[in-house]
Amino acid sequence: MQRVELTRVADEALTAMPDDVHEELLALIDSVADAPHPRPGRTVVFGASSWVTCSVMDGVVELLDVGWTG
C-alpha cells in the first residue's frame, strides 16, 4: 500500500458523508493505493454511488476530492 494524503476538501467530504458511502469510498481509495503500477498524474475512480479524484506520484496517493450521489 502506498501512502495516502488528504486535501482539506476531501477530508471534509469524508466526514460529512453517510457511513455506507464512506465504506465504498475507502474501498475505492484502497484500490488506487494497492494498484501494482498506478498511473502517475490525476486519476478518477468511480464506484456504484461515489467517486474519488486523486493524484499519484512517487509512492503517494493524494486524495484531491470525493463525491457521492444522494
N, C-alpha and C. Protein backbone atom coordinates (compact mmCIF):
# COMPACT_ATOMS: atom_id res chain seq x y z
N MET A 1 0.84 -1.19 0.00
CA MET A 1 0.00 0.00 0.00
C MET A 1 0.88 1.24 0.00
N GLN A 2 0.44 2.23 -0.72
CA GLN A 2 1.14 3.49 -0.77
C GLN A 2 0.63 4.42 0.32
N ARG A 3 1.35 5.49 0.54
CA ARG A 3 0.90 6.49 1.50
C ARG A 3 -0.24 7.29 0.87
N VAL A 4 -1.27 7.60 1.65
CA VAL A 4 -2.42 8.36 1.18
C VAL A 4 -2.49 9.66 1.96
N GLU A 5 -2.57 10.78 1.25
CA GLU A 5 -2.72 12.08 1.87
C GLU A 5 -4.05 12.69 1.44
N LEU A 6 -4.67 13.44 2.33
CA LEU A 6 -5.97 14.05 2.05
C LEU A 6 -5.84 15.56 1.93
N THR A 7 -6.51 16.13 0.95
CA THR A 7 -6.66 17.58 0.94
C THR A 7 -7.76 17.94 1.93
N ARG A 8 -7.85 19.19 2.28
CA ARG A 8 -8.89 19.63 3.23
C ARG A 8 -10.28 19.34 2.67
N VAL A 9 -10.49 19.58 1.38
CA VAL A 9 -11.79 19.33 0.75
C VAL A 9 -12.18 17.86 0.87
N ALA A 10 -11.25 16.97 0.58
CA ALA A 10 -11.52 15.54 0.66
C ALA A 10 -11.78 15.12 2.11
N ASP A 11 -11.01 15.64 3.03
CA ASP A 11 -11.21 15.32 4.44
C ASP A 11 -12.58 15.75 4.93
N GLU A 12 -12.99 16.95 4.58
CA GLU A 12 -14.31 17.45 4.98
C GLU A 12 -15.44 16.62 4.36
N ALA A 13 -15.27 16.24 3.10
CA ALA A 13 -16.29 15.43 2.44
C ALA A 13 -16.40 14.05 3.08
N LEU A 14 -15.27 13.45 3.41
CA LEU A 14 -15.30 12.12 4.04
C LEU A 14 -16.00 12.15 5.38
N THR A 15 -15.86 13.21 6.12
CA THR A 15 -16.51 13.27 7.44
C THR A 15 -18.00 13.59 7.33
N ALA A 16 -18.43 14.14 6.19
CA ALA A 16 -19.83 14.56 6.04
C ALA A 16 -20.73 13.50 5.41
N MET A 17 -20.16 12.47 4.83
CA MET A 17 -20.97 11.52 4.07
C MET A 17 -21.54 10.40 4.93
N PRO A 18 -22.59 9.75 4.44
CA PRO A 18 -23.19 8.62 5.16
C PRO A 18 -22.20 7.45 5.29
N ASP A 19 -22.39 6.62 6.30
CA ASP A 19 -21.47 5.52 6.57
C ASP A 19 -21.34 4.54 5.41
N ASP A 20 -22.44 4.20 4.75
CA ASP A 20 -22.36 3.22 3.66
C ASP A 20 -21.53 3.76 2.50
N VAL A 21 -21.65 5.04 2.20
CA VAL A 21 -20.85 5.65 1.13
C VAL A 21 -19.40 5.77 1.59
N HIS A 22 -19.19 6.04 2.84
CA HIS A 22 -17.84 6.15 3.40
C HIS A 22 -17.07 4.85 3.17
N GLU A 23 -17.73 3.72 3.42
CA GLU A 23 -17.09 2.41 3.21
C GLU A 23 -16.77 2.19 1.74
N GLU A 24 -17.68 2.59 0.85
CA GLU A 24 -17.43 2.44 -0.59
C GLU A 24 -16.24 3.29 -1.01
N LEU A 25 -16.17 4.51 -0.52
CA LEU A 25 -15.05 5.39 -0.87
C LEU A 25 -13.72 4.86 -0.35
N LEU A 26 -13.73 4.31 0.85
CA LEU A 26 -12.49 3.74 1.37
C LEU A 26 -12.03 2.57 0.50
N ALA A 27 -12.96 1.80 -0.01
CA ALA A 27 -12.61 0.70 -0.93
C ALA A 27 -12.02 1.24 -2.22
N LEU A 28 -12.56 2.35 -2.74
CA LEU A 28 -12.01 2.97 -3.94
C LEU A 28 -10.59 3.48 -3.69
N ILE A 29 -10.38 4.12 -2.55
CA ILE A 29 -9.05 4.63 -2.20
C ILE A 29 -8.08 3.46 -2.09
N ASP A 30 -8.50 2.38 -1.45
CA ASP A 30 -7.64 1.20 -1.34
C ASP A 30 -7.28 0.64 -2.71
N SER A 31 -8.25 0.66 -3.64
CA SER A 31 -7.97 0.11 -4.98
C SER A 31 -6.89 0.92 -5.69
N VAL A 32 -6.89 2.22 -5.50
CA VAL A 32 -5.85 3.06 -6.10
C VAL A 32 -4.51 2.82 -5.39
N ALA A 33 -4.54 2.82 -4.07
CA ALA A 33 -3.31 2.66 -3.29
C ALA A 33 -2.68 1.29 -3.48
N ASP A 34 -3.50 0.27 -3.72
CA ASP A 34 -2.99 -1.10 -3.86
C ASP A 34 -2.67 -1.48 -5.30
N ALA A 35 -2.92 -0.60 -6.25
CA ALA A 35 -2.63 -0.93 -7.65
C ALA A 35 -1.12 -1.18 -7.80
N PRO A 36 -0.74 -2.23 -8.51
CA PRO A 36 0.67 -2.57 -8.61
C PRO A 36 1.50 -1.50 -9.33
N HIS A 37 0.94 -0.88 -10.32
CA HIS A 37 1.66 0.15 -11.07
C HIS A 37 0.70 1.29 -11.39
N PRO A 38 0.36 2.10 -10.39
CA PRO A 38 -0.60 3.18 -10.65
C PRO A 38 -0.03 4.19 -11.65
N ARG A 39 -0.91 4.71 -12.48
CA ARG A 39 -0.50 5.73 -13.44
C ARG A 39 -0.16 7.01 -12.70
N PRO A 40 0.98 7.61 -13.01
CA PRO A 40 1.27 8.90 -12.40
C PRO A 40 0.31 9.95 -12.94
N GLY A 41 0.01 10.94 -12.14
CA GLY A 41 -0.89 12.01 -12.56
C GLY A 41 -2.26 11.86 -11.93
N ARG A 42 -3.19 12.62 -12.44
CA ARG A 42 -4.54 12.66 -11.87
C ARG A 42 -5.37 11.48 -12.37
N THR A 43 -6.10 10.87 -11.44
CA THR A 43 -6.94 9.72 -11.74
C THR A 43 -8.30 9.91 -11.09
N VAL A 44 -9.34 9.49 -11.78
CA VAL A 44 -10.68 9.48 -11.20
C VAL A 44 -11.16 8.03 -11.19
N VAL A 45 -11.63 7.58 -10.03
CA VAL A 45 -12.11 6.21 -9.87
C VAL A 45 -13.57 6.28 -9.44
N PHE A 46 -14.41 5.48 -10.08
CA PHE A 46 -15.85 5.51 -9.82
C PHE A 46 -16.31 4.23 -9.14
N GLY A 47 -17.20 4.38 -8.16
CA GLY A 47 -17.88 3.27 -7.53
C GLY A 47 -19.34 3.30 -7.93
N ALA A 48 -20.16 2.50 -7.27
CA ALA A 48 -21.59 2.45 -7.60
C ALA A 48 -22.28 3.78 -7.34
N SER A 49 -21.91 4.46 -6.27
CA SER A 49 -22.58 5.73 -5.95
C SER A 49 -21.60 6.81 -5.52
N SER A 50 -20.32 6.65 -5.84
CA SER A 50 -19.33 7.63 -5.41
C SER A 50 -18.16 7.67 -6.38
N TRP A 51 -17.31 8.67 -6.19
CA TRP A 51 -16.11 8.78 -7.00
C TRP A 51 -15.02 9.43 -6.17
N VAL A 52 -13.78 9.19 -6.61
CA VAL A 52 -12.59 9.73 -5.96
C VAL A 52 -11.71 10.33 -7.04
N THR A 53 -11.25 11.54 -6.81
CA THR A 53 -10.25 12.17 -7.68
C THR A 53 -8.95 12.22 -6.90
N CYS A 54 -7.89 11.66 -7.47
CA CYS A 54 -6.63 11.63 -6.76
C CYS A 54 -5.47 11.83 -7.72
N SER A 55 -4.34 12.10 -7.13
CA SER A 55 -3.10 12.26 -7.86
C SER A 55 -2.12 11.24 -7.31
N VAL A 56 -1.41 10.55 -8.19
CA VAL A 56 -0.47 9.53 -7.77
C VAL A 56 0.91 9.93 -8.27
N MET A 57 1.87 10.00 -7.32
CA MET A 57 3.23 10.31 -7.72
C MET A 57 4.20 9.87 -6.62
N ASP A 58 5.25 9.19 -7.03
CA ASP A 58 6.34 8.80 -6.13
C ASP A 58 5.85 8.08 -4.88
N GLY A 59 4.95 7.13 -5.03
CA GLY A 59 4.50 6.33 -3.91
C GLY A 59 3.50 7.00 -3.00
N VAL A 60 2.95 8.14 -3.42
CA VAL A 60 1.97 8.85 -2.61
C VAL A 60 0.69 9.01 -3.41
N VAL A 61 -0.44 8.67 -2.80
CA VAL A 61 -1.75 8.91 -3.39
C VAL A 61 -2.32 10.12 -2.66
N GLU A 62 -2.50 11.22 -3.37
CA GLU A 62 -3.07 12.41 -2.77
C GLU A 62 -4.55 12.47 -3.14
N LEU A 63 -5.39 12.37 -2.16
CA LEU A 63 -6.84 12.42 -2.37
C LEU A 63 -7.25 13.87 -2.51
N LEU A 64 -7.67 14.25 -3.73
CA LEU A 64 -7.98 15.64 -4.03
C LEU A 64 -9.44 15.97 -3.75
N ASP A 65 -10.34 15.06 -4.14
CA ASP A 65 -11.76 15.33 -3.97
C ASP A 65 -12.50 14.00 -3.96
N VAL A 66 -13.63 13.98 -3.29
CA VAL A 66 -14.51 12.82 -3.29
C VAL A 66 -15.93 13.33 -3.48
N GLY A 67 -16.78 12.47 -3.99
CA GLY A 67 -18.18 12.86 -4.16
C GLY A 67 -19.07 11.64 -4.16
N TRP A 68 -20.35 11.88 -3.97
CA TRP A 68 -21.31 10.79 -3.97
C TRP A 68 -22.66 11.30 -4.42
N THR A 69 -23.47 10.39 -4.92
CA THR A 69 -24.82 10.74 -5.32
C THR A 69 -25.72 10.66 -4.11
N GLY A 70 -26.72 11.49 -4.10
CA GLY A 70 -27.65 11.41 -2.98
C GLY A 70 -27.52 12.51 -2.07
